[in-house]
Amino acid sequence: MAAAPALAETPPCPPDPPQLRLTVTDPEPVFSHALTIDGLHRETGLPRSATLHHLGLTTSRVEWQSEIETRYRSTEGVCARPATVSLELAQTEHVVRVAREIPKGSCLWREVSAHERRHVAVNRRSLRQAAAQAKAAAERWGARAEGAARRWTRPWPACSRGCAKR
């Protein structure tokens, strides 16, 4: 049985932890008065009910993107670590809708708008909490993430007799 090929030592990885960049984009919500009560209900996708009426509706969509730049050391092998970890969380849609039947500026319109603004506050708080959790997770991962490979110092025994291309 042939001996396994000798392996060179793995080079030490670059020691510094990665730089973390976090961007949170949270623009002001857009207010709309275009849909009727029935239109708002259709937007929810919920079944009709005698007790459920939507006078207002707030929708939100958050998207995220990540990017990792690496640094490496290569001598008798290679060792790579993240140099920069960039995270972006963006509220790409934030719409507050008040039913068209409710006159703008009326007492009911102000109450429905105030209620929907509370949903906006929850969405914004949730975005900030998600950003903090993503940042903490990226910091934990970045502190321990590395990839290393050793270079072979001599060919595999089967190839020492000449390897044919297939």
Protein backbone atom coordinates (compact mmCIF):
# COMPACT_ATOMS: atom_id res chain seq x y z
CA MET A 1 0.00 0.00 0.00
CA ALA A 2 1.42 3.36 -0.99
CA ALA A 3 1.95 6.09 1.58
CA ALA A 4 -0.23 9.19 1.47
CA PRO A 5 1.43 12.26 0.01
CA ALA A 6 3.13 14.67 2.37
CA LEU A 7 1.27 17.83 3.25
CA ALA A 8 2.81 21.21 3.83
CA GLU A 9 1.83 23.13 6.92
CA THR A 10 -1.25 25.31 6.67
CA PRO A 11 -0.23 28.96 6.81
CA PRO A 12 -1.65 31.00 9.66
CA CYS A 13 -4.74 32.97 8.77
CA PRO A 14 -4.70 36.77 8.82
CA PRO A 15 -5.36 37.54 12.50
CA ASP A 16 -7.64 40.58 12.48
CA PRO A 17 -11.39 40.22 12.83
CA PRO A 18 -13.41 41.50 9.89
CA GLN A 19 -14.71 45.02 9.63
CA LEU A 20 -18.51 45.06 9.77
CA ARG A 21 -20.61 47.54 7.82
CA LEU A 22 -24.33 47.71 8.57
CA THR A 23 -26.72 49.92 6.64
CA VAL A 24 -30.37 50.29 7.56
CA THR A 25 -32.64 52.11 5.12
CA ASP A 26 -36.02 53.09 6.52
CA PRO A 27 -37.72 55.85 4.51
CA GLU A 28 -40.94 57.52 5.59
CA PRO A 29 -44.02 55.47 4.69
CA VAL A 30 -46.16 56.46 1.74
CA PHE A 31 -49.76 57.36 2.56
CA SER A 32 -52.53 56.33 0.16
CA HIS A 33 -56.24 57.10 0.06
CA ALA A 34 -56.89 55.23 -3.19
CA LEU A 35 -58.55 51.96 -2.11
CA THR A 36 -62.06 51.41 -0.83
CA ILE A 37 -62.91 49.36 2.26
CA ASP A 38 -63.55 46.37 -0.04
CA GLY A 39 -60.24 47.01 -1.81
CA LEU A 40 -58.37 47.07 1.50
CA HIS A 41 -60.05 43.82 2.52
CA ARG A 42 -59.02 42.18 -0.78
CA GLU A 43 -55.41 43.27 -0.13
CA THR A 44 -55.38 41.28 3.14
CA GLY A 45 -56.37 38.02 1.46
CA LEU A 46 -58.58 37.19 4.45
CA PRO A 47 -62.04 35.65 4.00
CA ARG A 48 -65.06 37.95 4.24
CA SER A 49 -66.71 38.26 7.63
CA ALA A 50 -69.61 40.23 9.11
CA THR A 51 -67.34 41.45 11.93
CA LEU A 52 -64.10 42.22 10.07
CA HIS A 53 -63.82 45.54 8.24
CA HIS A 54 -60.58 47.13 7.13
CA LEU A 55 -60.67 50.91 7.38
CA GLY A 56 -56.90 51.09 7.08
CA LEU A 57 -54.04 48.81 6.15
CA THR A 58 -50.26 49.11 6.56
CA THR A 59 -47.95 46.95 4.48
CA SER A 60 -44.21 46.61 4.70
CA ARG A 61 -41.53 44.68 2.84
CA VAL A 62 -37.93 44.38 4.02
CA GLU A 63 -35.12 43.17 1.81
CA TRP A 64 -31.55 42.36 2.79
CA GLN A 65 -28.26 42.03 1.01
CA SER A 66 -24.88 40.82 2.19
CA GLU A 67 -21.40 41.08 0.74
CA ILE A 68 -18.17 39.54 1.99
CA GLU A 69 -14.66 40.62 1.00
CA THR A 70 -11.85 38.25 1.95
CA ARG A 71 -8.17 38.49 2.73
CA TYR A 72 -5.80 35.57 2.52
CA ARG A 73 -2.27 34.43 3.16
CA SER A 74 -0.59 32.03 0.77
CA THR A 75 2.76 30.34 1.27
CA GLU A 76 2.78 26.54 1.38
CA GLY A 77 -1.01 26.60 1.33
CA VAL A 78 -3.69 29.18 1.65
CA CYS A 79 -5.74 30.53 4.52
CA ALA A 80 -8.58 33.02 3.98
CA ARG A 81 -10.73 35.04 6.35
CA PRO A 82 -13.41 37.68 5.84
CA ALA A 83 -11.93 41.18 5.68
CA THR A 84 -15.21 43.08 5.43
CA VAL A 85 -18.76 41.93 5.97
CA SER A 86 -21.38 44.35 4.64
CA LEU A 87 -25.03 43.96 5.53
CA GLU A 88 -27.89 46.08 4.26
CA LEU A 89 -31.46 45.91 5.49
CA ALA A 90 -33.91 48.10 3.63
CA GLN A 91 -37.59 48.71 4.07
CA THR A 92 -38.35 48.79 0.35
CA GLU A 93 -42.10 49.11 0.74
CA HIS A 94 -43.94 50.83 3.56
CA VAL A 95 -47.45 51.94 2.63
CA VAL A 96 -50.23 53.19 4.88
CA ARG A 97 -53.65 52.98 3.27
CA VAL A 98 -56.81 54.61 4.63
CA ALA A 99 -60.13 53.70 3.00
CA ARG A 100 -61.33 56.13 0.34
CA GLU A 101 -64.80 56.33 1.95
CA ILE A 102 -63.35 58.07 4.99
CA PRO A 103 -63.12 61.84 4.37
CA LYS A 104 -59.53 63.11 4.66
CA GLY A 105 -59.05 65.16 7.82
CA SER A 106 -62.22 63.87 9.48
CA CYS A 107 -62.22 62.57 13.05
CA LEU A 108 -62.45 58.96 11.80
CA TRP A 109 -59.63 59.54 9.29
CA ARG A 110 -57.37 60.89 12.07
CA GLU A 111 -58.16 57.88 14.30
CA VAL A 112 -57.55 55.33 11.54
CA SER A 113 -54.31 57.13 10.56
CA ALA A 114 -53.16 57.15 14.20
CA HIS A 115 -53.88 53.41 14.45
CA GLU A 116 -51.92 52.71 11.25
CA ARG A 117 -49.01 54.84 12.49
CA ARG A 118 -48.74 52.47 15.45
CA HIS A 119 -48.21 49.66 12.91
CA VAL A 120 -45.53 51.80 11.25
CA ALA A 121 -43.80 52.19 14.64
CA VAL A 122 -43.87 48.40 15.17
CA ASN A 123 -42.45 47.80 11.68
CA ARG A 124 -39.65 50.29 12.28
CA ARG A 125 -38.81 48.85 15.69
CA SER A 126 -38.78 45.33 14.19
CA LEU A 127 -36.41 46.47 11.44
CA ARG A 128 -33.98 47.92 14.01
CA GLN A 129 -34.15 44.75 16.13
CA ALA A 130 -33.55 42.56 13.08
CA ALA A 131 -30.56 44.74 12.13
CA ALA A 132 -29.08 44.40 15.63
CA GLN A 133 -29.54 40.61 15.56
CA ALA A 134 -28.02 40.34 12.06
CA LYS A 135 -25.05 42.46 13.15
CA ALA A 136 -24.43 40.32 16.25
CA ALA A 137 -24.66 37.11 14.21
CA ALA A 138 -22.25 38.50 11.57
CA GLU A 139 -19.77 39.52 14.28
CA ARG A 140 -19.88 36.05 15.87
CA TRP A 141 -19.47 34.35 12.49
CA GLY A 142 -16.72 36.73 11.33
CA ALA A 143 -14.65 36.11 14.46
CA ARG A 144 -14.37 32.39 13.72
CA ALA A 145 -14.78 32.11 9.93
CA GLU A 146 -11.76 30.89 8.02
CA GLY A 147 -10.92 28.55 5.21
CA ALA A 148 -7.56 26.81 4.95
CA ALA A 149 -6.00 24.38 2.52
CA ARG A 150 -2.58 22.78 2.50
CA ARG A 151 -0.50 22.37 -0.62
CA TRP A 152 0.67 18.90 -1.62
CA THR A 153 4.47 18.67 -1.54
CA ARG A 154 4.66 15.60 -3.79
CA PRO A 155 2.18 13.96 -6.14
CA TRP A 156 -0.25 11.23 -5.20
CA PRO A 157 1.34 7.78 -5.67
CA ALA A 158 -1.04 6.88 -8.49
CA CYS A 159 0.00 10.03 -10.36
CA SER A 160 3.73 9.53 -9.83
CA ARG A 161 3.59 7.05 -12.71
CA GLY A 162 1.86 9.64 -14.89
CA CYS A 163 -1.78 10.61 -14.82
CA ALA A 164 -3.71 10.40 -18.03
CA LYS A 165 -6.28 13.06 -18.84
CA ARG A 166 -9.73 11.63 -19.16
